[in-house]
Amino acid sequence: MTTPPSEILGRFVDDYGNAFALSVQRFDQLPRGRFDIVEWHLEERYFIARNDAANPRDGGLWTRVDWMPFTGMEPYTWGFCLTAYRAPNVREARQTSAPNRDTPRTGCNGFPFSRMRRAPT
């Protein structure tokens, strides 16, 4: 499996106070959302994941998560967009149009990218 940038791996808190954990194999929206990563597309900055069957919503469906680095927004160093979160299959998740990274405040289907900062240890 391809290794994603270390800047986006680990435990994070978004600008709404929600907790997340991201590893090479899994993306967790804590405490109950789990997404098993099946593809990394590093050049395009997105990954495809299967929603865990036990998730409170959209279990067994497919998600595309796009990310982008941030500069000048410390402590937030990167952000993500759930570009697709209930695609019926991996192909449709993969073919979902990329968000507009030129306008991170509205480029995620009209919403902002969720800004991420490292969680306190």
PDB file of N, CA and C in Angstrom:
ATOM      1  N   MET A   1       0.844  -1.185   0.000  1.00  0.00           N
ATOM      2  CA  MET A   1       0.000   0.000   0.000  1.00  0.00           C
ATOM      3  C   MET A   1       0.887   1.245   0.000  1.00  0.00           C
ATOM      4  N   THR A   2       0.438   2.274  -0.660  1.00  0.00           N
ATOM      5  CA  THR A   2       1.157   3.539  -0.743  1.00  0.00           C
ATOM      6  C   THR A   2       1.160   4.234   0.614  1.00  0.00           C
ATOM      7  N   THR A   3       2.252   4.898   0.927  1.00  0.00           N
ATOM      8  CA  THR A   3       2.346   5.602   2.204  1.00  0.00           C
ATOM      9  C   THR A   3       1.966   7.066   2.027  1.00  0.00           C
ATOM     10  N   PRO A   4       0.927   7.504   2.710  1.00  0.00           N
ATOM     11  CA  PRO A   4       0.519   8.909   2.630  1.00  0.00           C
ATOM     12  C   PRO A   4       1.471   9.801   3.414  1.00  0.00           C
ATOM     13  N   PRO A   5       1.374  11.120   3.218  1.00  0.00           N
ATOM     14  CA  PRO A   5       2.260  12.037   3.945  1.00  0.00           C
ATOM     15  C   PRO A   5       2.033  11.962   5.455  1.00  0.00           C
ATOM     16  N   SER A   6       3.120  11.991   6.198  1.00  0.00           N
ATOM     17  CA  SER A   6       3.033  11.878   7.660  1.00  0.00           C
ATOM     18  C   SER A   6       2.232  13.026   8.284  1.00  0.00           C
ATOM     19  N   GLU A   7       2.143  14.158   7.593  1.00  0.00           N
ATOM     20  CA  GLU A   7       1.418  15.317   8.126  1.00  0.00           C
ATOM     21  C   GLU A   7      -0.067  15.049   8.345  1.00  0.00           C
ATOM     22  N   ILE A   8      -0.609  14.058   7.624  1.00  0.00           N
ATOM     23  CA  ILE A   8      -2.044  13.797   7.775  1.00  0.00           C
ATOM     24  C   ILE A   8      -2.321  12.515   8.566  1.00  0.00           C
ATOM     25  N   LEU A   9      -1.277  11.841   9.033  1.00  0.00           N
ATOM     26  CA  LEU A   9      -1.455  10.625   9.820  1.00  0.00           C
ATOM     27  C   LEU A   9      -1.379  10.942  11.305  1.00  0.00           C
ATOM     28  N   GLY A  10      -2.254  10.316  12.077  1.00  0.00           N
ATOM     29  CA  GLY A  10      -2.245  10.505  13.518  1.00  0.00           C
ATOM     30  C   GLY A  10      -3.618  10.860  14.043  1.00  0.00           C
ATOM     31  N   ARG A  11      -3.620  11.494  15.211  1.00  0.00           N
ATOM     32  CA  ARG A  11      -4.877  11.912  15.856  1.00  0.00           C
ATOM     33  C   ARG A  11      -5.037  13.414  15.690  1.00  0.00           C
ATOM     34  N   PHE A  12      -6.262  13.830  15.373  1.00  0.00           N
ATOM     35  CA  PHE A  12      -6.537  15.225  15.067  1.00  0.00           C
ATOM     36  C   PHE A  12      -7.860  15.661  15.673  1.00  0.00           C
ATOM     37  N   VAL A  13      -8.008  16.979  15.758  1.00  0.00           N
ATOM     38  CA  VAL A  13      -9.273  17.616  16.161  1.00  0.00           C
ATOM     39  C   VAL A  13      -9.581  18.645  15.082  1.00  0.00           C
ATOM     40  N   ASP A  14     -10.840  18.683  14.643  1.00  0.00           N
ATOM     41  CA  ASP A  14     -11.187  19.677  13.627  1.00  0.00           C
ATOM     42  C   ASP A  14     -11.633  20.979  14.279  1.00  0.00           C
ATOM     43  N   ASP A  15     -11.953  21.960  13.463  1.00  0.00           N
ATOM     44  CA  ASP A  15     -12.306  23.272  14.008  1.00  0.00           C
ATOM     45  C   ASP A  15     -13.691  23.299  14.646  1.00  0.00           C
ATOM     46  N   TYR A  16     -14.381  22.163  14.667  1.00  0.00           N
ATOM     47  CA  TYR A  16     -15.662  22.046  15.369  1.00  0.00           C
ATOM     48  C   TYR A  16     -15.524  21.256  16.665  1.00  0.00           C
ATOM     49  N   GLY A  17     -14.288  20.798  16.971  1.00  0.00           N
ATOM     50  CA  GLY A  17     -14.036  20.044  18.194  1.00  0.00           C
ATOM     51  C   GLY A  17     -14.219  18.544  18.048  1.00  0.00           C
ATOM     52  N   ASN A  18     -14.460  18.047  16.836  1.00  0.00           N
ATOM     53  CA  ASN A  18     -14.614  16.609  16.612  1.00  0.00           C
ATOM     54  C   ASN A  18     -13.244  15.941  16.532  1.00  0.00           C
ATOM     55  N   ALA A  19     -13.150  14.727  17.038  1.00  0.00           N
ATOM     56  CA  ALA A  19     -11.890  13.990  17.073  1.00  0.00           C
ATOM     57  C   ALA A  19     -11.821  12.985  15.923  1.00  0.00           C
ATOM     58  N   PHE A  20     -10.610  12.804  15.379  1.00  0.00           N
ATOM     59  CA  PHE A  20     -10.369  11.916  14.245  1.00  0.00           C
ATOM     60  C   PHE A  20      -9.045  11.193  14.446  1.00  0.00           C
ATOM     61  N   ALA A  21      -8.933  10.038  13.808  1.00  0.00           N
ATOM     62  CA  ALA A  21      -7.660   9.313  13.739  1.00  0.00           C
ATOM     63  C   ALA A  21      -7.515   8.818  12.309  1.00  0.00           C
ATOM     64  N   LEU A  22      -6.330   9.019  11.741  1.00  0.00           N
ATOM     65  CA  LEU A  22      -6.075   8.601  10.369  1.00  0.00           C
ATOM     66  C   LEU A  22      -4.787   7.800  10.322  1.00  0.00           C
ATOM     67  N   SER A  23      -4.884   6.581   9.779  1.00  0.00           N
ATOM     68  CA  SER A  23      -3.714   5.732   9.564  1.00  0.00           C
ATOM     69  C   SER A  23      -3.695   5.339   8.091  1.00  0.00           C
ATOM     70  N   VAL A  24      -2.723   4.570   7.702  1.00  0.00           N
ATOM     71  CA  VAL A  24      -2.630   4.131   6.317  1.00  0.00           C
ATOM     72  C   VAL A  24      -3.851   3.301   5.934  1.00  0.00           C
ATOM     73  N   GLN A  25      -4.415   2.587   6.893  1.00  0.00           N
ATOM     74  CA  GLN A  25      -5.495   1.654   6.601  1.00  0.00           C
ATOM     75  C   GLN A  25      -6.876   2.086   7.061  1.00  0.00           C
ATOM     76  N   ARG A  26      -6.949   3.141   7.885  1.00  0.00           N
ATOM     77  CA  ARG A  26      -8.257   3.477   8.448  1.00  0.00           C
ATOM     78  C   ARG A  26      -8.392   4.961   8.754  1.00  0.00           C
ATOM     79  N   PHE A  27      -9.621   5.450   8.575  1.00  0.00           N
ATOM     80  CA  PHE A  27      -9.995   6.817   8.938  1.00  0.00           C
ATOM     81  C   PHE A  27     -11.142   6.692   9.933  1.00  0.00           C
ATOM     82  N   ASP A  28     -10.939   7.213  11.126  1.00  0.00           N
ATOM     83  CA  ASP A  28     -11.965   7.136  12.172  1.00  0.00           C
ATOM     84  C   ASP A  28     -12.477   8.522  12.509  1.00  0.00           C
ATOM     85  N   GLN A  29     -13.800   8.666  12.504  1.00  0.00           N
ATOM     86  CA  GLN A  29     -14.454   9.848  13.050  1.00  0.00           C
ATOM     87  C   GLN A  29     -14.943   9.401  14.422  1.00  0.00           C
ATOM     88  N   LEU A  30     -14.188   9.758  15.429  1.00  0.00           N
ATOM     89  CA  LEU A  30     -14.425   9.255  16.775  1.00  0.00           C
ATOM     90  C   LEU A  30     -15.694   9.870  17.381  1.00  0.00           C
ATOM     91  N   PRO A  31     -16.477   9.092  18.104  1.00  0.00           N
ATOM     92  CA  PRO A  31     -16.117   7.781  18.623  1.00  0.00           C
ATOM     93  C   PRO A  31     -16.614   6.592  17.791  1.00  0.00           C
ATOM     94  N   ARG A  32     -17.561   6.785  16.842  1.00  0.00           N
ATOM     95  CA  ARG A  32     -18.175   5.600  16.243  1.00  0.00           C
ATOM     96  C   ARG A  32     -18.038   5.460  14.733  1.00  0.00           C
ATOM     97  N   GLY A  33     -17.553   6.448  14.023  1.00  0.00           N
ATOM     98  CA  GLY A  33     -17.448   6.335  12.568  1.00  0.00           C
ATOM     99  C   GLY A  33     -16.136   5.707  12.150  1.00  0.00           C
ATOM    100  N   ARG A  34     -16.217   4.624  11.389  1.00  0.00           N
ATOM    101  CA  ARG A  34     -15.006   3.927  10.953  1.00  0.00           C
ATOM    102  C   ARG A  34     -15.069   3.717   9.442  1.00  0.00           C
ATOM    103  N   PHE A  35     -13.947   3.994   8.777  1.00  0.00           N
ATOM    104  CA  PHE A  35     -13.849   3.868   7.327  1.00  0.00           C
ATOM    105  C   PHE A  35     -12.560   3.119   7.010  1.00  0.00           C
ATOM    106  N   ASP A  36     -12.673   1.996   6.337  1.00  0.00           N
ATOM    107  CA  ASP A  36     -11.512   1.186   5.981  1.00  0.00           C
ATOM    108  C   ASP A  36     -10.982   1.632   4.619  1.00  0.00           C
ATOM    109  N   ILE A  37      -9.778   2.147   4.605  1.00  0.00           N
ATOM    110  CA  ILE A  37      -9.186   2.712   3.392  1.00  0.00           C
ATOM    111  C   ILE A  37      -8.738   1.584   2.463  1.00  0.00           C
ATOM    112  N   VAL A  38      -9.161   1.687   1.199  1.00  0.00           N
ATOM    113  CA  VAL A  38      -8.805   0.670   0.210  1.00  0.00           C
ATOM    114  C   VAL A  38      -7.919   1.222  -0.903  1.00  0.00           C
ATOM    115  N   GLU A  39      -7.910   2.529  -1.102  1.00  0.00           N
ATOM    116  CA  GLU A  39      -7.087   3.147  -2.150  1.00  0.00           C
ATOM    117  C   GLU A  39      -6.589   4.509  -1.696  1.00  0.00           C
ATOM    118  N   TRP A  40      -5.317   4.767  -1.948  1.00  0.00           N
ATOM    119  CA  TRP A  40      -4.740   6.096  -1.774  1.00  0.00           C
ATOM    120  C   TRP A  40      -4.395   6.639  -3.157  1.00  0.00           C
ATOM    121  N   HIS A  41      -4.759   7.878  -3.415  1.00  0.00           N
ATOM    122  CA  HIS A  41      -4.418   8.573  -4.661  1.00  0.00           C
ATOM    123  C   HIS A  41      -3.638   9.825  -4.254  1.00  0.00           C
ATOM    124  N   LEU A  42      -2.335   9.642  -4.062  1.00  0.00           N
ATOM    125  CA  LEU A  42      -1.511  10.690  -3.465  1.00  0.00           C
ATOM    126  C   LEU A  42      -1.367  11.921  -4.348  1.00  0.00           C
ATOM    127  N   GLU A  43      -1.173  11.735  -5.635  1.00  0.00           N
ATOM    128  CA  GLU A  43      -1.014  12.907  -6.510  1.00  0.00           C
ATOM    129  C   GLU A  43      -2.255  13.780  -6.514  1.00  0.00           C
ATOM    130  N   GLU A  44      -3.422  13.141  -6.483  1.00  0.00           N
ATOM    131  CA  GLU A  44      -4.682  13.883  -6.496  1.00  0.00           C
ATOM    132  C   GLU A  44      -5.160  14.251  -5.087  1.00  0.00           C
ATOM    133  N   ARG A  45      -4.450  13.763  -4.069  1.00  0.00           N
ATOM    134  CA  ARG A  45      -4.748  14.026  -2.654  1.00  0.00           C
ATOM    135  C   ARG A  45      -6.152  13.576  -2.246  1.00  0.00           C
ATOM    136  N   TYR A  46      -6.425  12.293  -2.438  1.00  0.00           N
ATOM    137  CA  TYR A  46      -7.659  11.721  -1.909  1.00  0.00           C
ATOM    138  C   TYR A  46      -7.470  10.239  -1.640  1.00  0.00           C
ATOM    139  N   PHE A  47      -8.387   9.695  -0.818  1.00  0.00           N
ATOM    140  CA  PHE A  47      -8.419   8.254  -0.611  1.00  0.00           C
ATOM    141  C   PHE A  47      -9.865   7.775  -0.684  1.00  0.00           C
ATOM    142  N   ILE A  48     -10.002   6.483  -0.959  1.00  0.00           N
ATOM    143  CA  ILE A  48     -11.305   5.832  -1.039  1.00  0.00           C
ATOM    144  C   ILE A  48     -11.389   4.860   0.128  1.00  0.00           C
ATOM    145  N   ALA A  49     -12.531   4.863   0.803  1.00  0.00           N
ATOM    146  CA  ALA A  49     -12.718   3.988   1.960  1.00  0.00           C
ATOM    147  C   ALA A  49     -14.107   3.359   1.936  1.00  0.00           C
ATOM    148  N   ARG A  50     -14.201   2.178   2.518  1.00  0.00           N
ATOM    149  CA  ARG A  50     -15.486   1.498   2.688  1.00  0.00           C
ATOM    150  C   ARG A  50     -16.014   1.848   4.073  1.00  0.00           C
ATOM    151  N   ASN A  51     -17.234   2.327   4.123  1.00  0.00           N
ATOM    152  CA  ASN A  51     -17.854   2.652   5.402  1.00  0.00           C
ATOM    153  C   ASN A  51     -18.096   1.357   6.178  1.00  0.00           C
ATOM    154  N   ASP A  52     -17.662   1.322   7.416  1.00  0.00           N
ATOM    155  CA  ASP A  52     -17.856   0.138   8.240  1.00  0.00           C
ATOM    156  C   ASP A  52     -19.346  -0.166   8.376  1.00  0.00           C
ATOM    157  N   ALA A  53     -19.695  -1.446   8.344  1.00  0.00           N
ATOM    158  CA  ALA A  53     -21.098  -1.858   8.436  1.00  0.00           C
ATOM    159  C   ALA A  53     -21.742  -1.405   9.744  1.00  0.00           C
ATOM    160  N   ALA A  54     -20.952  -1.220  10.800  1.00  0.00           N
ATOM    161  CA  ALA A  54     -21.492  -0.818  12.098  1.00  0.00           C
ATOM    162  C   ALA A  54     -21.619   0.698  12.261  1.00  0.00           C
ATOM    163  N   ASN A  55     -21.255   1.480  11.238  1.00  0.00           N
ATOM    164  CA  ASN A  55     -21.374   2.936  11.348  1.00  0.00           C
ATOM    165  C   ASN A  55     -22.834   3.326  11.583  1.00  0.00           C
ATOM    166  N   PRO A  56     -23.051   4.393  12.342  1.00  0.00           N
ATOM    167  CA  PRO A  56     -24.426   4.826  12.604  1.00  0.00           C
ATOM    168  C   PRO A  56     -25.207   5.170  11.333  1.00  0.00           C
ATOM    169  N   ARG A  57     -24.501   5.621  10.287  1.00  0.00           N
ATOM    170  CA  ARG A  57     -25.150   5.952   9.011  1.00  0.00           C
ATOM    171  C   ARG A  57     -24.305   5.428   7.856  1.00  0.00           C
ATOM    172  N   ASP A  58     -24.973   5.090   6.785  1.00  0.00           N
ATOM    173  CA  ASP A  58     -24.328   4.752   5.512  1.00  0.00           C
ATOM    174  C   ASP A  58     -23.365   3.570   5.597  1.00  0.00           C
ATOM    175  N   GLY A  59     -23.616   2.631   6.514  1.00  0.00           N
ATOM    176  CA  GLY A  59     -22.772   1.449   6.646  1.00  0.00           C
ATOM    177  C   GLY A  59     -22.723   0.643   5.350  1.00  0.00           C
ATOM    178  N   GLY A  60     -21.522   0.191   4.997  1.00  0.00           N
ATOM    179  CA  GLY A  60     -21.316  -0.628   3.822  1.00  0.00           C
ATOM    180  C   GLY A  60     -21.193   0.150   2.522  1.00  0.00           C
ATOM    181  N   LEU A  61     -21.455   1.442   2.547  1.00  0.00           N
ATOM    182  CA  LEU A  61     -21.318   2.255   1.342  1.00  0.00           C
ATOM    183  C   LEU A  61     -19.876   2.741   1.221  1.00  0.00           C
ATOM    184  N   TRP A  62     -19.614   3.626   0.260  1.00  0.00           N
ATOM    185  CA  TRP A  62     -18.254   4.039  -0.051  1.00  0.00           C
ATOM    186  C   TRP A  62     -18.074   5.539   0.091  1.00  0.00           C
ATOM    187  N   THR A  63     -16.875   5.931   0.510  1.00  0.00           N
ATOM    188  CA  THR A  63     -16.549   7.330   0.776  1.00  0.00           C
ATOM    189  C   THR A  63     -15.284   7.728   0.022  1.00  0.00           C
ATOM    190  N   ARG A  64     -15.295   8.954  -0.480  1.00  0.00           N
ATOM    191  CA  ARG A  64     -14.085   9.571  -1.032  1.00  0.00           C
ATOM    192  C   ARG A  64     -13.761  10.748  -0.131  1.00  0.00           C
ATOM    193  N   VAL A  65     -12.530  10.791   0.362  1.00  0.00           N
ATOM    194  CA  VAL A  65     -12.067  11.871   1.223  1.00  0.00           C
ATOM    195  C   VAL A  65     -10.917  12.580   0.511  1.00  0.00           C
ATOM    196  N   ASP A  66     -11.123  13.857   0.192  1.00  0.00           N
ATOM    197  CA  ASP A  66     -10.070  14.682  -0.402  1.00  0.00           C
ATOM    198  C   ASP A  66      -9.437  15.518   0.710  1.00  0.00           C
ATOM    199  N   TRP A  67      -8.150  15.779   0.598  1.00  0.00           N
ATOM    200  CA  TRP A  67      -7.477  16.616   1.590  1.00  0.00           C
ATOM    201  C   TRP A  67      -6.618  17.662   0.889  1.00  0.00           C
ATOM    202  N   MET A  68      -6.235  18.668   1.673  1.00  0.00           N
ATOM    203  CA  MET A  68      -5.335  19.704   1.173  1.00  0.00           C
ATOM    204  C   MET A  68      -4.534  20.277   2.333  1.00  0.00           C
ATOM    205  N   PRO A  69      -3.292  20.685   2.080  1.00  0.00           N
ATOM    206  CA  PRO A  69      -2.495  21.329   3.128  1.00  0.00           C
ATOM    207  C   PRO A  69      -2.936  22.777   3.304  1.00  0.00           C
ATOM    208  N   PHE A  70      -2.743  23.297   4.512  1.00  0.00           N
ATOM    209  CA  PHE A  70      -3.022  24.701   4.807  1.00  0.00           C
ATOM    210  C   PHE A  70      -1.743  25.375   5.272  1.00  0.00           C
ATOM    211  N   THR A  71      -1.554  26.604   4.877  1.00  0.00           N
ATOM    212  CA  THR A  71      -0.451  27.405   5.382  1.00  0.00           C
ATOM    213  C   THR A  71      -1.047  28.694   5.939  1.00  0.00           C
ATOM    214  N   GLY A  72      -0.441  29.191   6.997  1.00  0.00           N
ATOM    215  CA  GLY A  72      -0.905  30.427   7.606  1.00  0.00           C
ATOM    216  C   GLY A  72      -2.191  30.285   8.396  1.00  0.00           C
ATOM    217  N   MET A  73      -2.592  29.076   8.746  1.00  0.00           N
ATOM    218  CA  MET A  73      -3.816  28.852   9.524  1.00  0.00           C
ATOM    219  C   MET A  73      -3.518  28.107  10.818  1.00  0.00           C
ATOM    220  N   GLU A  74      -2.299  28.187  11.304  1.00  0.00           N
ATOM    221  CA  GLU A  74      -1.916  27.462  12.500  1.00  0.00           C
ATOM    222  C   GLU A  74      -2.906  27.736  13.628  1.00  0.00           C
ATOM    223  N   PRO A  75      -3.268  26.706  14.396  1.00  0.00           N
ATOM    224  CA  PRO A  75      -2.658  25.379  14.462  1.00  0.00           C
ATOM    225  C   PRO A  75      -3.198  24.397  13.416  1.00  0.00           C
ATOM    226  N   TYR A  76      -4.101  24.824  12.553  1.00  0.00           N
ATOM    227  CA  TYR A  76      -4.657  23.944  11.533  1.00  0.00           C
ATOM    228  C   TYR A  76      -3.667  23.816  10.378  1.00  0.00           C
ATOM    229  N   THR A  77      -3.285  22.569  10.062  1.00  0.00           N
ATOM    230  CA  THR A  77      -2.243  22.345   9.063  1.00  0.00           C
ATOM    231  C   THR A  77      -2.759  21.698   7.784  1.00  0.00           C
ATOM    232  N   TRP A  78      -3.958  21.136   7.833  1.00  0.00           N
ATOM    233  CA  TRP A  78      -4.555  20.529   6.655  1.00  0.00           C
ATOM    234  C   TRP A  78      -6.063  20.434   6.864  1.00  0.00           C
ATOM    235  N   GLY A  79      -6.758  20.153   5.785  1.00  0.00           N
ATOM    236  CA  GLY A  79      -8.201  20.017   5.870  1.00  0.00           C
ATOM    237  C   GLY A  79      -8.679  18.901   4.967  1.00  0.00           C
ATOM    238  N   PHE A  80      -9.889  18.410   5.260  1.00  0.00           N
ATOM    239  CA  PHE A  80     -10.446  17.351   4.431  1.00  0.00           C
ATOM    240  C   PHE A  80     -11.874  17.669   4.033  1.00  0.00           C
ATOM    241  N   CYS A  81     -12.297  17.013   2.972  1.00  0.00           N
ATOM    242  CA  CYS A  81     -13.650  17.132   2.445  1.00  0.00           C
ATOM    243  C   CYS A  81     -14.195  15.738   2.207  1.00  0.00           C
ATOM    244  N   LEU A  82     -15.376  15.442   2.757  1.00  0.00           N
ATOM    245  CA  LEU A  82     -16.052  14.186   2.419  1.00  0.00           C
ATOM    246  C   LEU A  82     -16.733  14.409   1.074  1.00  0.00           C
ATOM    247  N   THR A  83     -15.974  14.207   0.029  1.00  0.00           N
ATOM    248  CA  THR A  83     -16.442  14.488  -1.323  1.00  0.00           C
ATOM    249  C   THR A  83     -17.607  13.579  -1.693  1.00  0.00           C
ATOM    250  N   ALA A  84     -17.509  12.319  -1.341  1.00  0.00           N
ATOM    251  CA  ALA A  84     -18.614  11.358  -1.470  1.00  0.00           C
ATOM    252  C   ALA A  84     -18.643  10.579  -0.173  1.00  0.00           C
ATOM    253  N   TYR A  85     -19.816  10.299   0.360  1.00  0.00           N
ATOM    254  CA  TYR A  85     -19.875   9.545   1.613  1.00  0.00           C
ATOM    255  C   TYR A  85     -20.936   8.464   1.604  1.00  0.00           C
ATOM    256  N   ARG A  86     -21.666   8.354   0.521  1.00  0.00           N
ATOM    257  CA  ARG A  86     -22.626   7.259   0.413  1.00  0.00           C
ATOM    258  C   ARG A  86     -22.710   6.746  -1.022  1.00  0.00           C
ATOM    259  N   ALA A  87     -21.545   6.614  -1.636  1.00  0.00           N
ATOM    260  CA  ALA A  87     -21.484   6.062  -2.984  1.00  0.00           C
ATOM    261  C   ALA A  87     -21.814   4.571  -2.918  1.00  0.00           C
ATOM    262  N   PRO A  88     -22.533   4.049  -3.903  1.00  0.00           N
ATOM    263  CA  PRO A  88     -22.925   2.641  -3.857  1.00  0.00           C
ATOM    264  C   PRO A  88     -21.791   1.663  -4.133  1.00  0.00           C
ATOM    265  N   ASN A  89     -20.698   2.151  -4.749  1.00  0.00           N
ATOM    266  CA  ASN A  89     -19.574   1.256  -5.037  1.00  0.00           C
ATOM    267  C   ASN A  89     -18.289   2.074  -5.131  1.00  0.00           C
ATOM    268  N   VAL A  90     -17.171   1.367  -5.158  1.00  0.00           N
ATOM    269  CA  VAL A  90     -15.873   2.033  -5.165  1.00  0.00           C
ATOM    270  C   VAL A  90     -15.679   2.861  -6.425  1.00  0.00           C
ATOM    271  N   ARG A  91     -16.167   2.368  -7.557  1.00  0.00           N
ATOM    272  CA  ARG A  91     -15.997   3.089  -8.825  1.00  0.00           C
ATOM    273  C   ARG A  91     -16.689   4.445  -8.777  1.00  0.00           C
ATOM    274  N   GLU A  92     -17.900   4.489  -8.275  1.00  0.00           N
ATOM    275  CA  GLU A  92     -18.615   5.771  -8.194  1.00  0.00           C
ATOM    276  C   GLU A  92     -17.962   6.717  -7.195  1.00  0.00           C
ATOM    277  N   ALA A  93     -17.451   6.189  -6.100  1.00  0.00           N
ATOM    278  CA  ALA A  93     -16.733   7.042  -5.146  1.00  0.00           C
ATOM    279  C   ALA A  93     -15.504   7.645  -5.814  1.00  0.00           C
ATOM    280  N   ARG A  94     -14.776   6.817  -6.547  1.00  0.00           N
ATOM    281  CA  ARG A  94     -13.559   7.271  -7.222  1.00  0.00           C
ATOM    282  C   ARG A  94     -13.880   8.323  -8.285  1.00  0.00           C
ATOM    283  N   GLN A  95     -14.992   8.185  -8.977  1.00  0.00           N
ATOM    284  CA  GLN A  95     -15.336   9.090 -10.071  1.00  0.00           C
ATOM    285  C   GLN A  95     -16.039  10.370  -9.626  1.00  0.00           C
ATOM    286  N   THR A  96     -16.277  10.527  -8.337  1.00  0.00           N
ATOM    287  CA  THR A  96     -16.873  11.761  -7.829  1.00  0.00           C
ATOM    288  C   THR A  96     -15.937  12.926  -8.136  1.00  0.00           C
ATOM    289  N   SER A  97     -16.494  14.028  -8.594  1.00  0.00           N
ATOM    290  CA  SER A  97     -15.676  15.196  -8.929  1.00  0.00           C
ATOM    291  C   SER A  97     -14.906  15.696  -7.722  1.00  0.00           C
ATOM    292  N   ALA A  98     -13.686  16.110  -7.956  1.00  0.00           N
ATOM    293  CA  ALA A  98     -12.838  16.645  -6.890  1.00  0.00           C
ATOM    294  C   ALA A  98     -13.402  17.970  -6.389  1.00  0.00           C
ATOM    295  N   PRO A  99     -13.161  18.279  -5.116  1.00  0.00           N
ATOM    296  CA  PRO A  99     -13.601  19.575  -4.593  1.00  0.00           C
ATOM    297  C   PRO A  99     -12.736  20.697  -5.165  1.00  0.00           C
ATOM    298  N   ASN A 100     -13.158  21.923  -4.940  1.00  0.00           N
ATOM    299  CA  ASN A 100     -12.404  23.089  -5.411  1.00  0.00           C
ATOM    300  C   ASN A 100     -11.441  23.536  -4.314  1.00  0.00           C
ATOM    301  N   ARG A 101     -10.204  23.122  -4.434  1.00  0.00           N
ATOM    302  CA  ARG A 101      -9.203  23.471  -3.419  1.00  0.00           C
ATOM    303  C   ARG A 101      -8.770  24.933  -3.497  1.00  0.00           C
ATOM    304  N   ASP A 102      -9.134  25.619  -4.573  1.00  0.00           N
ATOM    305  CA  ASP A 102      -8.816  27.047  -4.689  1.00  0.00           C
ATOM    306  C   ASP A 102      -9.668  27.894  -3.744  1.00  0.00           C
ATOM    307  N   THR A 103     -10.795  27.359  -3.313  1.00  0.00           N
ATOM    308  CA  THR A 103     -11.700  28.071  -2.396  1.00  0.00           C
ATOM    309  C   THR A 103     -12.067  27.152  -1.236  1.00  0.00           C
ATOM    310  N   PRO A 104     -11.129  26.919  -0.304  1.00  0.00           N
ATOM    311  CA  PRO A 104     -11.387  25.947   0.764  1.00  0.00           C
ATOM    312  C   PRO A 104     -12.550  26.311   1.682  1.00  0.00           C
ATOM    313  N   ARG A 105     -12.980  27.562   1.684  1.00  0.00           N
ATOM    314  CA  ARG A 105     -14.122  27.935   2.538  1.00  0.00           C
ATOM    315  C   ARG A 105     -15.460  27.501   1.957  1.00  0.00           C
ATOM    316  N   THR A 106     -15.500  27.244   0.657  1.00  0.00           N
ATOM    317  CA  THR A 106     -16.743  26.813   0.009  1.00  0.00           C
ATOM    318  C   THR A 106     -16.535  25.666  -0.967  1.00  0.00           C
ATOM    319  N   GLY A 107     -15.307  25.224  -1.134  1.00  0.00           N
ATOM    320  CA  GLY A 107     -14.986  24.259  -2.177  1.00  0.00           C
ATOM    321  C   GLY A 107     -15.398  22.830  -1.930  1.00  0.00           C
ATOM    322  N   CYS A 108     -15.914  22.544  -0.765  1.00  0.00           N
ATOM    323  CA  CYS A 108     -16.354  21.184  -0.431  1.00  0.00           C
ATOM    324  C   CYS A 108     -17.870  21.116  -0.605  1.00  0.00           C
ATOM    325  N   ASN A 109     -18.293  21.046  -1.858  1.00  0.00           N
ATOM    326  CA  ASN A 109     -19.730  20.985  -2.165  1.00  0.00           C
ATOM    327  C   ASN A 109     -20.505  22.145  -1.546  1.00  0.00           C
ATOM    328  N   GLY A 110     -19.903  23.343  -1.572  1.00  0.00           N
ATOM    329  CA  GLY A 110     -20.533  24.525  -1.003  1.00  0.00           C
ATOM    330  C   GLY A 110     -20.208  24.767   0.460  1.00  0.00           C
ATOM    331  N   PHE A 111     -19.509  23.848   1.079  1.00  0.00           N
ATOM    332  CA  PHE A 111     -19.136  23.947   2.491  1.00  0.00           C
ATOM    333  C   PHE A 111     -17.623  24.069   2.615  1.00  0.00           C
ATOM    334  N   PRO A 112     -17.132  24.445   3.791  1.00  0.00           N
ATOM    335  CA  PRO A 112     -15.679  24.528   3.974  1.00  0.00           C
ATOM    336  C   PRO A 112     -15.052  23.147   4.173  1.00  0.00           C
ATOM    337  N   PHE A 113     -13.776  23.042   3.820  1.00  0.00           N
ATOM    338  CA  PHE A 113     -12.990  21.884   4.225  1.00  0.00           C
ATOM    339  C   PHE A 113     -12.934  21.901   5.751  1.00  0.00           C
ATOM    340  N   SER A 114     -12.996  20.738   6.382  1.00  0.00           N
ATOM    341  CA  SER A 114     -12.827  20.653   7.838  1.00  0.00           C
ATOM    342  C   SER A 114     -11.351  20.817   8.147  1.00  0.00           C
ATOM    343  N   ARG A 115     -11.020  21.872   8.898  1.00  0.00           N
ATOM    344  CA  ARG A 115      -9.615  22.144   9.223  1.00  0.00           C
ATOM    345  C   ARG A 115      -9.171  21.235  10.370  1.00  0.00           C
ATOM    346  N   MET A 116      -7.957  20.690  10.233  1.00  0.00           N
ATOM    347  CA  MET A 116      -7.452  19.719  11.195  1.00  0.00           C
ATOM    348  C   MET A 116      -6.185  20.223  11.886  1.00  0.00           C
ATOM    349  N   ARG A 117      -6.139  19.985  13.206  1.00  0.00           N
ATOM    350  CA  ARG A 117      -4.933  20.257  14.000  1.00  0.00           C
ATOM    351  C   ARG A 117      -4.624  19.018  14.804  1.00  0.00           C
ATOM    352  N   ARG A 118      -3.364  18.839  15.147  1.00  0.00           N
ATOM    353  CA  ARG A 118      -2.969  17.679  15.959  1.00  0.00           C
ATOM    354  C   ARG A 118      -3.709  17.694  17.287  1.00  0.00           C
ATOM    355  N   ALA A 119      -4.156  16.527  17.702  1.00  0.00           N
ATOM    356  CA  ALA A 119      -4.808  16.389  19.003  1.00  0.00           C
ATOM    357  C   ALA A 119      -3.742  16.466  20.088  1.00  0.00           C
ATOM    358  N   PRO A 120      -4.090  17.064  21.210  1.00  0.00           N
ATOM    359  CA  PRO A 120      -3.125  17.097  22.329  1.00  0.00           C
ATOM    360  C   PRO A 120      -2.791  15.672  22.768  1.00  0.00           C
ATOM    361  N   THR A 121      -1.532  15.468  23.141  1.00  0.00           N
ATOM    362  CA  THR A 121      -1.117  14.128  23.571  1.00  0.00           C
ATOM    363  C   THR A 121      -1.181  13.972  25.066  1.00  0.00           C
TER     364      THR A 121
END
